[in-house]
Every structure is written in structure tokens, then in C-alpha cells.
Amino acid sequence: MQRRDVLAGIGSAGVLAGAGAVAVYGVPSPETLLGEDGERHEPLPIETVEAQGSEAGEVLIPAQDQPTFIDLFGTWCPPCVEQMPELAVANERIGDQVLFISVTSEGVGENRSITEDELVDWWAEHDGNWLLGVDHNAEMTERYLDGGFPTAAVIDASGRLQWSDSGVHSADEIVATIEEETDVEESP
């Protein structure tokens, strides 16, 4: 048996185990994600990519002392493409009030599912113009994904998840939710 077959088998077993846990216990609630004592999660480092509106580096999610808006997406996902214009408008309206970031958990890099150049090209093609991140270990995606892609999540300045939902949302919905769930307001 080849090594990749073994790895594929191990990965499939992990997916089945996770699906079984969701089937038995249900999808974790925000309270579960925060822990029984209501404490926030420790911030996760997310690699950012040099792309239109984004700089290469690293950010912590959730941001320290600042609300965070996360868009979890995949370049292979048609609803994620549909979501991009609404994200652009929402970012223009409120992005300076929060850490506004789109994150993919796709395998990005040489010999992966997508190269960084392909990700940057996809980003430009769909008019991304805000922070772009890669969740290499899918740890953040696992923490905040709400059913499927795209998923939007709002985390308040204390680091507590206040809202998450999958599907395509309008810019008005995104901005209203950020305002409702945090102490920020759209700039006039």
C-alpha cells in the first residue's frame, strides 16, 4: 500500500469520526465553543497573504481588543464567489471598525490543492481588497465553521463568538450584524 493511500485512509477515518460526533452530539453551540465557563478561545495565528488589499504576515484571530469579522471560504465554492461583492461593500462600509478577514483552509502552497499564486489570482479576479488569510491546519475553520461554506462569523472585542452563519449574506446583513453584536457603528 502506498503512503498516500494510508494517509487518505487516516484522513477519511477522521472525517467519519467527526461526522459521527456531530450526528450523536449535534453541532457545537457558541456556548460550547467558548467553554462551559464562558471564557474566550485563545487567539490562533493565521498566515496572511500578499494580495490586493492584504499584506503577507500573520494576525491573531480573534483580534486583541478589537471586534473581528471572519469570512470562511473556498476558491472551489460557487456561493463563496457570489458572496465576494457583498463582502467588498461591507468592508468598505465597516472594515475600518473591525479586523475584516477572509480565510481559506484549502491546502495552499506548492504540491497542494492550490498554489499561493492561484489564490492571489482568484482573489484579484473576484475583487477581494481586504485581509486574506490561510488556515493551514483548519483549526480556525473547525472552530468557527457553521454548517458549510461560506460561513461568516462575528467575534466581539473580548474574543467571544457572538454570531456565525453559513450561506450568502448581503452587505446590509453583514454590517447590521457586526453593529448589533459589537460596539461598533458604520462610519458616516
N, C-alpha and C. Protein backbone atom coordinates (compact mmCIF):
# COMPACT_ATOMS: atom_id res chain seq x y z
N MET A 1 0.85 -1.17 0.00
CA MET A 1 0.00 0.00 0.00
C MET A 1 0.89 1.23 0.00
N GLN A 2 0.53 2.20 -0.84
CA GLN A 2 1.34 3.41 -0.93
C GLN A 2 1.03 4.35 0.23
N ARG A 3 1.99 5.17 0.54
CA ARG A 3 1.87 6.11 1.66
C ARG A 3 0.64 7.00 1.53
N ARG A 4 0.38 7.51 0.31
CA ARG A 4 -0.78 8.40 0.14
C ARG A 4 -2.09 7.67 0.38
N ASP A 5 -2.15 6.36 0.07
CA ASP A 5 -3.35 5.58 0.36
C ASP A 5 -3.58 5.47 1.87
N VAL A 6 -2.50 5.26 2.60
CA VAL A 6 -2.59 5.18 4.06
C VAL A 6 -3.06 6.52 4.62
N LEU A 7 -2.44 7.61 4.14
CA LEU A 7 -2.82 8.94 4.62
C LEU A 7 -4.27 9.25 4.27
N ALA A 8 -4.69 8.88 3.07
CA ALA A 8 -6.09 9.11 2.67
C ALA A 8 -7.03 8.32 3.57
N GLY A 9 -6.65 7.11 3.90
CA GLY A 9 -7.47 6.28 4.79
C GLY A 9 -7.57 6.87 6.18
N ILE A 10 -6.45 7.37 6.69
CA ILE A 10 -6.45 8.01 8.02
C ILE A 10 -7.31 9.26 7.99
N GLY A 11 -7.16 10.08 6.94
CA GLY A 11 -7.96 11.30 6.81
C GLY A 11 -9.44 10.98 6.73
N SER A 12 -9.79 9.95 5.96
CA SER A 12 -11.19 9.55 5.84
C SER A 12 -11.75 9.09 7.17
N ALA A 13 -10.96 8.36 7.93
CA ALA A 13 -11.41 7.91 9.25
C ALA A 13 -11.67 9.10 10.16
N GLY A 14 -10.82 10.12 10.08
CA GLY A 14 -11.01 11.33 10.89
C GLY A 14 -12.29 12.06 10.52
N VAL A 15 -12.56 12.15 9.22
CA VAL A 15 -13.78 12.82 8.76
C VAL A 15 -15.00 12.04 9.25
N LEU A 16 -14.97 10.72 9.12
CA LEU A 16 -16.09 9.90 9.59
C LEU A 16 -16.29 10.02 11.09
N ALA A 17 -15.20 10.05 11.84
CA ALA A 17 -15.31 10.19 13.30
C ALA A 17 -15.93 11.54 13.65
N GLY A 18 -15.49 12.60 12.96
CA GLY A 18 -16.06 13.92 13.21
C GLY A 18 -17.53 13.97 12.85
N ALA A 19 -17.89 13.38 11.71
CA ALA A 19 -19.29 13.34 11.31
C ALA A 19 -20.12 12.54 12.30
N GLY A 20 -19.55 11.46 12.80
CA GLY A 20 -20.25 10.66 13.81
C GLY A 20 -20.49 11.45 15.09
N ALA A 21 -19.50 12.22 15.49
CA ALA A 21 -19.64 13.04 16.70
C ALA A 21 -20.73 14.08 16.50
N VAL A 22 -20.78 14.70 15.32
CA VAL A 22 -21.84 15.68 15.04
C VAL A 22 -23.20 14.99 15.03
N ALA A 23 -23.27 13.78 14.43
CA ALA A 23 -24.53 13.05 14.39
C ALA A 23 -25.02 12.70 15.79
N VAL A 24 -24.12 12.31 16.67
CA VAL A 24 -24.51 11.90 18.02
C VAL A 24 -24.75 13.10 18.92
N TYR A 25 -23.82 14.08 18.87
CA TYR A 25 -23.87 15.19 19.82
C TYR A 25 -24.42 16.48 19.23
N GLY A 26 -24.57 16.56 17.92
CA GLY A 26 -25.04 17.78 17.28
C GLY A 26 -23.89 18.74 17.03
N VAL A 27 -24.21 19.80 16.30
CA VAL A 27 -23.22 20.84 16.00
C VAL A 27 -22.99 21.64 17.28
N PRO A 28 -21.73 21.90 17.62
CA PRO A 28 -21.46 22.65 18.85
C PRO A 28 -22.08 24.04 18.82
N SER A 29 -22.65 24.46 19.92
CA SER A 29 -23.21 25.80 20.04
C SER A 29 -22.09 26.78 20.35
N PRO A 30 -22.36 28.10 20.16
CA PRO A 30 -21.33 29.08 20.54
C PRO A 30 -20.92 28.94 22.00
N GLU A 31 -21.86 28.58 22.88
CA GLU A 31 -21.52 28.41 24.29
C GLU A 31 -20.52 27.27 24.47
N THR A 32 -20.71 26.20 23.70
CA THR A 32 -19.77 25.08 23.77
C THR A 32 -18.40 25.51 23.27
N LEU A 33 -18.39 26.29 22.19
CA LEU A 33 -17.12 26.74 21.64
C LEU A 33 -16.37 27.63 22.62
N LEU A 34 -17.12 28.38 23.42
CA LEU A 34 -16.49 29.25 24.40
C LEU A 34 -16.03 28.50 25.62
N GLY A 35 -16.54 27.31 25.82
CA GLY A 35 -16.24 26.55 27.02
C GLY A 35 -17.34 26.79 28.05
N GLU A 36 -17.48 25.86 28.96
CA GLU A 36 -18.55 25.94 29.94
C GLU A 36 -18.44 27.16 30.82
N ASP A 37 -17.25 27.67 31.06
CA ASP A 37 -17.08 28.82 31.93
C ASP A 37 -17.22 30.14 31.20
N GLY A 38 -17.53 30.11 29.88
CA GLY A 38 -17.73 31.34 29.13
C GLY A 38 -16.47 32.05 28.71
N GLU A 39 -15.31 31.47 28.97
CA GLU A 39 -14.07 32.12 28.56
C GLU A 39 -13.92 32.06 27.05
N ARG A 40 -13.20 33.01 26.56
CA ARG A 40 -12.98 33.04 25.12
C ARG A 40 -11.85 32.08 24.74
N HIS A 41 -11.81 31.73 23.45
CA HIS A 41 -10.73 30.90 22.94
C HIS A 41 -9.43 31.69 22.90
N GLU A 42 -8.35 30.98 23.02
CA GLU A 42 -7.04 31.59 22.80
C GLU A 42 -6.96 31.97 21.32
N PRO A 43 -6.39 33.11 21.02
CA PRO A 43 -6.24 33.52 19.62
C PRO A 43 -5.37 32.53 18.85
N LEU A 44 -5.74 32.33 17.60
CA LEU A 44 -4.98 31.47 16.70
C LEU A 44 -4.21 32.33 15.70
N PRO A 45 -2.95 32.01 15.46
CA PRO A 45 -2.21 32.74 14.43
C PRO A 45 -2.66 32.27 13.04
N ILE A 46 -2.98 33.22 12.19
CA ILE A 46 -3.38 32.93 10.81
C ILE A 46 -2.41 33.64 9.88
N GLU A 47 -1.84 32.89 8.94
CA GLU A 47 -0.93 33.46 7.95
C GLU A 47 -1.74 34.33 6.99
N THR A 48 -1.26 35.53 6.73
CA THR A 48 -1.90 36.39 5.74
C THR A 48 -1.05 36.40 4.47
N VAL A 49 -1.72 36.67 3.36
CA VAL A 49 -1.12 36.53 2.04
C VAL A 49 -0.96 37.90 1.39
N GLU A 50 0.16 38.11 0.71
CA GLU A 50 0.37 39.32 -0.08
C GLU A 50 -0.56 39.24 -1.29
N ALA A 51 -1.59 40.07 -1.27
CA ALA A 51 -2.60 40.10 -2.33
C ALA A 51 -3.23 41.48 -2.32
N GLN A 52 -4.08 41.74 -3.29
CA GLN A 52 -4.79 43.01 -3.36
C GLN A 52 -5.48 43.30 -2.02
N GLY A 53 -5.12 44.39 -1.35
CA GLY A 53 -5.72 44.77 -0.08
C GLY A 53 -5.21 44.01 1.12
N SER A 54 -4.23 43.13 0.94
CA SER A 54 -3.73 42.27 2.01
C SER A 54 -2.21 42.28 2.01
N GLU A 55 -1.64 42.13 3.19
CA GLU A 55 -0.19 42.06 3.32
C GLU A 55 0.22 40.70 3.85
N ALA A 56 1.38 40.23 3.43
CA ALA A 56 1.91 38.98 3.96
C ALA A 56 2.30 39.18 5.41
N GLY A 57 2.04 38.18 6.22
CA GLY A 57 2.39 38.25 7.63
C GLY A 57 1.56 37.28 8.43
N GLU A 58 1.11 37.74 9.58
CA GLU A 58 0.34 36.89 10.47
C GLU A 58 -0.55 37.78 11.34
N VAL A 59 -1.78 37.33 11.58
CA VAL A 59 -2.68 38.01 12.50
C VAL A 59 -3.19 36.98 13.50
N LEU A 60 -3.64 37.47 14.63
CA LEU A 60 -4.27 36.61 15.61
C LEU A 60 -5.78 36.72 15.47
N ILE A 61 -6.46 35.57 15.46
CA ILE A 61 -7.92 35.52 15.39
C ILE A 61 -8.41 34.79 16.63
N PRO A 62 -9.26 35.41 17.46
CA PRO A 62 -9.78 36.76 17.30
C PRO A 62 -8.72 37.81 17.60
N ALA A 63 -8.97 39.01 17.06
CA ALA A 63 -8.06 40.13 17.29
C ALA A 63 -8.10 40.51 18.77
N GLN A 64 -7.01 41.05 19.24
CA GLN A 64 -6.92 41.52 20.62
C GLN A 64 -7.59 42.89 20.73
N ASP A 65 -8.58 43.00 21.61
CA ASP A 65 -9.24 44.27 21.91
C ASP A 65 -9.86 44.95 20.70
N GLN A 66 -10.30 44.17 19.73
CA GLN A 66 -10.96 44.71 18.55
C GLN A 66 -11.93 43.65 18.03
N PRO A 67 -13.15 44.04 17.63
CA PRO A 67 -14.05 43.05 17.03
C PRO A 67 -13.44 42.46 15.76
N THR A 68 -13.85 41.25 15.45
CA THR A 68 -13.34 40.53 14.29
C THR A 68 -14.50 40.03 13.45
N PHE A 69 -14.40 40.22 12.14
CA PHE A 69 -15.34 39.62 11.19
C PHE A 69 -14.55 38.64 10.35
N ILE A 70 -15.02 37.39 10.29
CA ILE A 70 -14.34 36.35 9.52
C ILE A 70 -15.28 35.84 8.44
N ASP A 71 -14.74 35.73 7.24
CA ASP A 71 -15.42 35.06 6.13
C ASP A 71 -14.61 33.81 5.83
N LEU A 72 -15.20 32.63 6.08
CA LEU A 72 -14.54 31.36 5.74
C LEU A 72 -15.01 30.96 4.35
N PHE A 73 -14.07 30.74 3.44
CA PHE A 73 -14.43 30.50 2.05
C PHE A 73 -13.52 29.45 1.42
N GLY A 74 -13.91 29.02 0.23
CA GLY A 74 -13.08 28.17 -0.60
C GLY A 74 -13.12 28.67 -2.02
N THR A 75 -12.02 28.60 -2.73
CA THR A 75 -11.98 29.07 -4.12
C THR A 75 -12.82 28.17 -5.02
N TRP A 76 -13.10 26.95 -4.59
CA TRP A 76 -13.86 25.97 -5.35
C TRP A 76 -15.37 26.14 -5.14
N CYS A 77 -15.79 27.07 -4.30
CA CYS A 77 -17.16 27.19 -3.80
C CYS A 77 -17.94 28.28 -4.54
N PRO A 78 -18.92 27.92 -5.40
CA PRO A 78 -19.70 28.95 -6.11
C PRO A 78 -20.41 29.95 -5.19
N PRO A 79 -21.03 29.54 -4.07
CA PRO A 79 -21.63 30.57 -3.20
C PRO A 79 -20.59 31.53 -2.61
N CYS A 80 -19.35 31.06 -2.45
CA CYS A 80 -18.28 31.94 -1.95
C CYS A 80 -17.97 33.03 -2.98
N VAL A 81 -18.00 32.66 -4.26
CA VAL A 81 -17.79 33.64 -5.33
C VAL A 81 -18.94 34.65 -5.31
N GLU A 82 -20.17 34.14 -5.15
CA GLU A 82 -21.35 35.00 -5.09
C GLU A 82 -21.27 35.98 -3.91
N GLN A 83 -20.65 35.56 -2.82
CA GLN A 83 -20.54 36.37 -1.60
C GLN A 83 -19.54 37.52 -1.75
N MET A 84 -18.57 37.40 -2.62
CA MET A 84 -17.47 38.36 -2.70
C MET A 84 -17.91 39.82 -2.91
N PRO A 85 -18.84 40.13 -3.83
CA PRO A 85 -19.23 41.54 -3.99
C PRO A 85 -19.87 42.12 -2.72
N GLU A 86 -20.63 41.30 -2.00
CA GLU A 86 -21.27 41.77 -0.77
C GLU A 86 -20.22 42.02 0.32
N LEU A 87 -19.21 41.16 0.38
CA LEU A 87 -18.12 41.37 1.32
C LEU A 87 -17.38 42.66 1.01
N ALA A 88 -17.17 42.92 -0.27
CA ALA A 88 -16.46 44.15 -0.67
C ALA A 88 -17.21 45.38 -0.19
N VAL A 89 -18.52 45.39 -0.37
CA VAL A 89 -19.33 46.54 0.07
C VAL A 89 -19.31 46.64 1.59
N ALA A 90 -19.49 45.52 2.28
CA ALA A 90 -19.47 45.53 3.75
C ALA A 90 -18.13 46.03 4.27
N ASN A 91 -17.04 45.58 3.66
CA ASN A 91 -15.71 46.03 4.08
C ASN A 91 -15.55 47.53 3.88
N GLU A 92 -16.02 48.04 2.76
CA GLU A 92 -15.95 49.48 2.52
C GLU A 92 -16.73 50.25 3.58
N ARG A 93 -17.85 49.70 4.01
CA ARG A 93 -18.72 50.41 4.96
C ARG A 93 -18.25 50.32 6.41
N ILE A 94 -17.65 49.17 6.81
CA ILE A 94 -17.35 48.98 8.24
C ILE A 94 -16.00 48.34 8.50
N GLY A 95 -15.26 48.02 7.46
CA GLY A 95 -14.00 47.31 7.62
C GLY A 95 -12.95 48.01 8.46
N ASP A 96 -13.03 49.34 8.55
CA ASP A 96 -12.05 50.05 9.37
C ASP A 96 -12.41 49.99 10.86
N GLN A 97 -13.60 49.47 11.20
CA GLN A 97 -14.05 49.37 12.58
C GLN A 97 -13.74 48.00 13.21
N VAL A 98 -13.42 47.02 12.37
CA VAL A 98 -13.18 45.65 12.82
C VAL A 98 -11.98 45.07 12.07
N LEU A 99 -11.44 43.96 12.60
CA LEU A 99 -10.50 43.18 11.80
C LEU A 99 -11.36 42.40 10.82
N PHE A 100 -11.29 42.73 9.55
CA PHE A 100 -12.13 42.16 8.50
C PHE A 100 -11.24 41.24 7.67
N ILE A 101 -11.52 39.94 7.68
CA ILE A 101 -10.63 38.98 7.03
C ILE A 101 -11.41 37.84 6.38
N SER A 102 -10.96 37.43 5.23
CA SER A 102 -11.43 36.21 4.58
C SER A 102 -10.34 35.16 4.71
N VAL A 103 -10.74 33.93 5.06
CA VAL A 103 -9.77 32.87 5.34
C VAL A 103 -10.18 31.60 4.62
N THR A 104 -9.22 30.97 3.96
CA THR A 104 -9.44 29.66 3.35
C THR A 104 -8.63 28.61 4.09
N SER A 105 -9.20 27.42 4.18
CA SER A 105 -8.46 26.31 4.79
C SER A 105 -7.98 25.34 3.71
N GLU A 106 -8.05 25.76 2.46
CA GLU A 106 -7.55 24.93 1.36
C GLU A 106 -6.04 24.72 1.53
N GLY A 107 -5.56 23.63 1.02
CA GLY A 107 -4.12 23.41 1.02
C GLY A 107 -3.47 24.37 0.06
N VAL A 108 -2.81 25.39 0.58
CA VAL A 108 -2.19 26.43 -0.25
C VAL A 108 -0.68 26.23 -0.22
N GLY A 109 -0.08 26.16 -1.39
CA GLY A 109 1.36 26.01 -1.50
C GLY A 109 1.71 25.06 -2.63
N GLU A 110 2.99 24.93 -2.88
CA GLU A 110 3.45 24.01 -3.92
C GLU A 110 3.01 22.58 -3.58
N ASN A 111 2.60 21.84 -4.59
CA ASN A 111 2.16 20.45 -4.43
C ASN A 111 0.96 20.32 -3.50
N ARG A 112 0.12 21.35 -3.44
CA ARG A 112 -1.10 21.34 -2.63
C ARG A 112 -2.28 21.51 -3.58
N SER A 113 -3.48 21.70 -3.06
CA SER A 113 -4.65 21.80 -3.92
C SER A 113 -4.66 23.10 -4.73
N ILE A 114 -4.01 24.15 -4.21
CA ILE A 114 -3.94 25.42 -4.92
C ILE A 114 -2.62 26.11 -4.54
N THR A 115 -2.00 26.73 -5.50
CA THR A 115 -0.76 27.46 -5.18
C THR A 115 -1.13 28.84 -4.64
N GLU A 116 -0.16 29.48 -4.00
CA GLU A 116 -0.42 30.82 -3.49
C GLU A 116 -0.70 31.78 -4.65
N ASP A 117 0.01 31.61 -5.77
CA ASP A 117 -0.24 32.47 -6.94
C ASP A 117 -1.66 32.29 -7.45
N GLU A 118 -2.16 31.06 -7.47
CA GLU A 118 -3.54 30.81 -7.91
C GLU A 118 -4.54 31.45 -6.95
N LEU A 119 -4.26 31.40 -5.65
CA LEU A 119 -5.12 32.04 -4.66
C LEU A 119 -5.13 33.55 -4.87
N VAL A 120 -3.98 34.15 -5.07
CA VAL A 120 -3.87 35.59 -5.28
C VAL A 120 -4.61 35.99 -6.57
N ASP A 121 -4.48 35.18 -7.63
CA ASP A 121 -5.19 35.46 -8.88
C ASP A 121 -6.70 35.37 -8.68
N TRP A 122 -7.16 34.35 -7.95
CA TRP A 122 -8.60 34.19 -7.66
C TRP A 122 -9.10 35.41 -6.89
N TRP A 123 -8.33 35.84 -5.90
CA TRP A 123 -8.67 37.00 -5.06
C TRP A 123 -8.85 38.25 -5.92
N ALA A 124 -7.90 38.50 -6.82
CA ALA A 124 -7.97 39.68 -7.69
C ALA A 124 -9.14 39.56 -8.67
N GLU A 125 -9.34 38.37 -9.22
CA GLU A 125 -10.43 38.15 -10.18
C GLU A 125 -11.79 38.44 -9.55
N HIS A 126 -11.93 38.20 -8.25
CA HIS A 126 -13.20 38.40 -7.56
C HIS A 126 -13.21 39.66 -6.70
N ASP A 127 -12.28 40.57 -7.00
CA ASP A 127 -12.23 41.90 -6.39
C ASP A 127 -12.07 41.90 -4.88
N GLY A 128 -11.35 40.91 -4.34
CA GLY A 128 -11.01 40.96 -2.93
C GLY A 128 -10.07 42.13 -2.69
N ASN A 129 -10.31 42.87 -1.61
CA ASN A 129 -9.49 44.04 -1.34
C ASN A 129 -9.41 44.29 0.16
N TRP A 130 -9.26 43.22 0.91
CA TRP A 130 -9.12 43.29 2.37
C TRP A 130 -8.21 42.13 2.76
N LEU A 131 -8.01 41.94 4.02
CA LEU A 131 -7.07 40.94 4.52
C LEU A 131 -7.47 39.53 4.08
N LEU A 132 -6.50 38.79 3.57
CA LEU A 132 -6.69 37.42 3.09
C LEU A 132 -5.79 36.49 3.89
N GLY A 133 -6.38 35.44 4.47
CA GLY A 133 -5.62 34.53 5.31
C GLY A 133 -5.76 33.08 4.90
N VAL A 134 -4.81 32.27 5.37
CA VAL A 134 -4.81 30.83 5.12
C VAL A 134 -4.75 30.11 6.46
N ASP A 135 -5.71 29.22 6.67
CA ASP A 135 -5.81 28.42 7.89
C ASP A 135 -5.20 27.04 7.57
N HIS A 136 -3.87 26.95 7.62
CA HIS A 136 -3.17 25.74 7.16
C HIS A 136 -3.61 24.47 7.88
N ASN A 137 -3.90 24.54 9.15
CA ASN A 137 -4.28 23.34 9.91
C ASN A 137 -5.78 23.19 10.06
N ALA A 138 -6.55 24.09 9.46
CA ALA A 138 -8.02 24.11 9.53
C ALA A 138 -8.54 24.20 10.97
N GLU A 139 -7.68 24.64 11.88
CA GLU A 139 -8.09 24.75 13.28
C GLU A 139 -9.13 25.88 13.46
N MET A 140 -8.90 27.01 12.82
CA MET A 140 -9.86 28.10 12.92
C MET A 140 -11.15 27.74 12.20
N THR A 141 -11.03 27.10 11.06
CA THR A 141 -12.22 26.68 10.31
C THR A 141 -13.05 25.73 11.15
N GLU A 142 -12.39 24.79 11.79
CA GLU A 142 -13.11 23.85 12.66
C GLU A 142 -13.81 24.59 13.80
N ARG A 143 -13.16 25.59 14.33
CA ARG A 143 -13.71 26.35 15.46
C ARG A 143 -14.94 27.16 15.07
N TYR A 144 -14.93 27.79 13.89
CA TYR A 144 -15.97 28.76 13.55
C TYR A 144 -16.91 28.33 12.42
N LEU A 145 -16.60 27.29 11.67
CA LEU A 145 -17.46 26.88 10.55
C LEU A 145 -18.86 26.54 11.06
N ASP A 146 -19.86 27.11 10.43
CA ASP A 146 -21.25 26.91 10.84
C ASP A 146 -22.00 26.21 9.71
N GLY A 147 -21.76 24.95 9.53
CA GLY A 147 -22.50 24.17 8.54
C GLY A 147 -21.80 24.00 7.21
N GLY A 148 -21.41 25.07 6.56
CA GLY A 148 -20.80 24.96 5.25
C GLY A 148 -20.18 26.27 4.82
N PHE A 149 -19.72 26.30 3.58
CA PHE A 149 -19.06 27.48 3.03
C PHE A 149 -20.03 28.25 2.15
N PRO A 150 -19.98 29.56 2.15
CA PRO A 150 -19.20 30.40 3.04
C PRO A 150 -19.85 30.47 4.42
N THR A 151 -19.03 30.72 5.44
CA THR A 151 -19.52 30.99 6.79
C THR A 151 -18.98 32.35 7.20
N ALA A 152 -19.86 33.15 7.77
CA ALA A 152 -19.47 34.45 8.32
C ALA A 152 -19.55 34.33 9.84
N ALA A 153 -18.60 34.96 10.53
CA ALA A 153 -18.59 34.94 11.99
C ALA A 153 -18.22 36.32 12.51
N VAL A 154 -18.87 36.70 13.61
CA VAL A 154 -18.58 37.96 14.28
C VAL A 154 -18.14 37.64 15.70
N ILE A 155 -16.97 38.16 16.06
CA ILE A 155 -16.40 37.96 17.39
C ILE A 155 -16.24 39.34 18.01
N ASP A 156 -16.72 39.50 19.25
CA ASP A 156 -16.63 40.82 19.88
C ASP A 156 -15.21 41.12 20.34
N ALA A 157 -15.00 42.32 20.85
CA ALA A 157 -13.66 42.77 21.25
C ALA A 157 -13.09 41.97 22.40
N SER A 158 -13.96 41.27 23.16
CA SER A 158 -13.46 40.44 24.26
C SER A 158 -13.06 39.04 23.77
N GLY A 159 -13.30 38.77 22.47
CA GLY A 159 -12.91 37.48 21.90
C GLY A 159 -13.98 36.43 21.93
N ARG A 160 -15.20 36.81 22.26
CA ARG A 160 -16.30 35.85 22.31
C ARG A 160 -17.07 35.82 20.99
N LEU A 161 -17.30 34.62 20.48
CA LEU A 161 -18.10 34.45 19.28
C LEU A 161 -19.51 34.91 19.58
N GLN A 162 -19.99 35.88 18.81
CA GLN A 162 -21.34 36.40 19.01
C GLN A 162 -22.32 35.89 17.97
N TRP A 163 -21.82 35.56 16.78
CA TRP A 163 -22.72 35.14 15.69
C TRP A 163 -21.91 34.41 14.64
N SER A 164 -22.51 33.38 14.08
CA SER A 164 -21.95 32.75 12.88
C SER A 164 -23.09 32.13 12.11
N ASP A 165 -22.94 32.12 10.79
CA ASP A 165 -23.99 31.59 9.93
C ASP A 165 -23.39 31.27 8.57
N SER A 166 -23.84 30.19 7.99
CA SER A 166 -23.36 29.84 6.66
C SER A 166 -24.33 30.37 5.61
N GLY A 167 -23.84 30.45 4.39
CA GLY A 167 -24.65 30.93 3.28
C GLY A 167 -24.23 32.32 2.86
N VAL A 168 -24.88 32.79 1.81
CA VAL A 168 -24.58 34.10 1.24
C VAL A 168 -25.38 35.15 1.99
N HIS A 169 -24.72 36.22 2.41
CA HIS A 169 -25.35 37.32 3.13
C HIS A 169 -25.14 38.62 2.38
N SER A 170 -26.12 39.51 2.46
CA SER A 170 -25.98 40.81 1.82
C SER A 170 -25.05 41.68 2.66
N ALA A 171 -24.53 42.73 2.04
CA ALA A 171 -23.69 43.68 2.76
C ALA A 171 -24.47 44.30 3.91
N ASP A 172 -25.74 44.61 3.68
CA ASP A 172 -26.58 45.18 4.74
C ASP A 172 -26.68 44.23 5.93
N GLU A 173 -26.87 42.92 5.67
CA GLU A 173 -26.94 41.94 6.75
C GLU A 173 -25.62 41.86 7.52
N ILE A 174 -24.53 41.85 6.79
CA ILE A 174 -23.21 41.75 7.43
C ILE A 174 -22.96 42.95 8.32
N VAL A 175 -23.18 44.15 7.79
CA VAL A 175 -22.93 45.37 8.56
C VAL A 175 -23.86 45.44 9.76
N ALA A 176 -25.14 45.15 9.57
CA ALA A 176 -26.11 45.20 10.68
C ALA A 176 -25.74 44.21 11.77
N THR A 177 -25.30 43.03 11.39
CA THR A 177 -24.93 42.01 12.38
C THR A 177 -23.69 42.44 13.15
N ILE A 178 -22.70 42.97 12.45
CA ILE A 178 -21.49 43.45 13.13
C ILE A 178 -21.87 44.54 14.13
N GLU A 179 -22.70 45.49 13.70
CA GLU A 179 -23.11 46.58 14.60
C GLU A 179 -23.91 46.04 15.79
N GLU A 180 -24.81 45.11 15.53
CA GLU A 180 -25.66 44.55 16.58
C GLU A 180 -24.87 43.73 17.60
N GLU A 181 -23.86 43.01 17.15
CA GLU A 181 -23.14 42.08 18.01
C GLU A 181 -21.87 42.66 18.63
N THR A 182 -21.52 43.87 18.23
CA THR A 182 -20.33 44.52 18.79
C THR A 182 -20.68 45.96 19.14
N ASP A 183 -19.73 46.71 19.60
CA ASP A 183 -19.95 48.11 19.95
C ASP A 183 -19.52 49.06 18.84
N VAL A 184 -19.43 48.60 17.62
CA VAL A 184 -19.01 49.46 16.53
C VAL A 184 -20.20 49.94 15.72
N GLU A 185 -20.01 51.07 15.06
CA GLU A 185 -21.03 51.61 14.19
C GLU A 185 -20.38 51.98 12.87
N GLU A 186 -21.19 51.87 11.82
CA GLU A 186 -20.72 52.22 10.49
C GLU A 186 -20.31 53.69 10.48
N SER A 187 -19.20 53.96 9.84
CA SER A 187 -18.76 55.35 9.70
C SER A 187 -19.69 56.08 8.73
N PRO A 188 -20.00 57.35 9.04
CA PRO A 188 -20.90 58.10 8.14
C PRO A 188 -20.27 58.38 6.80
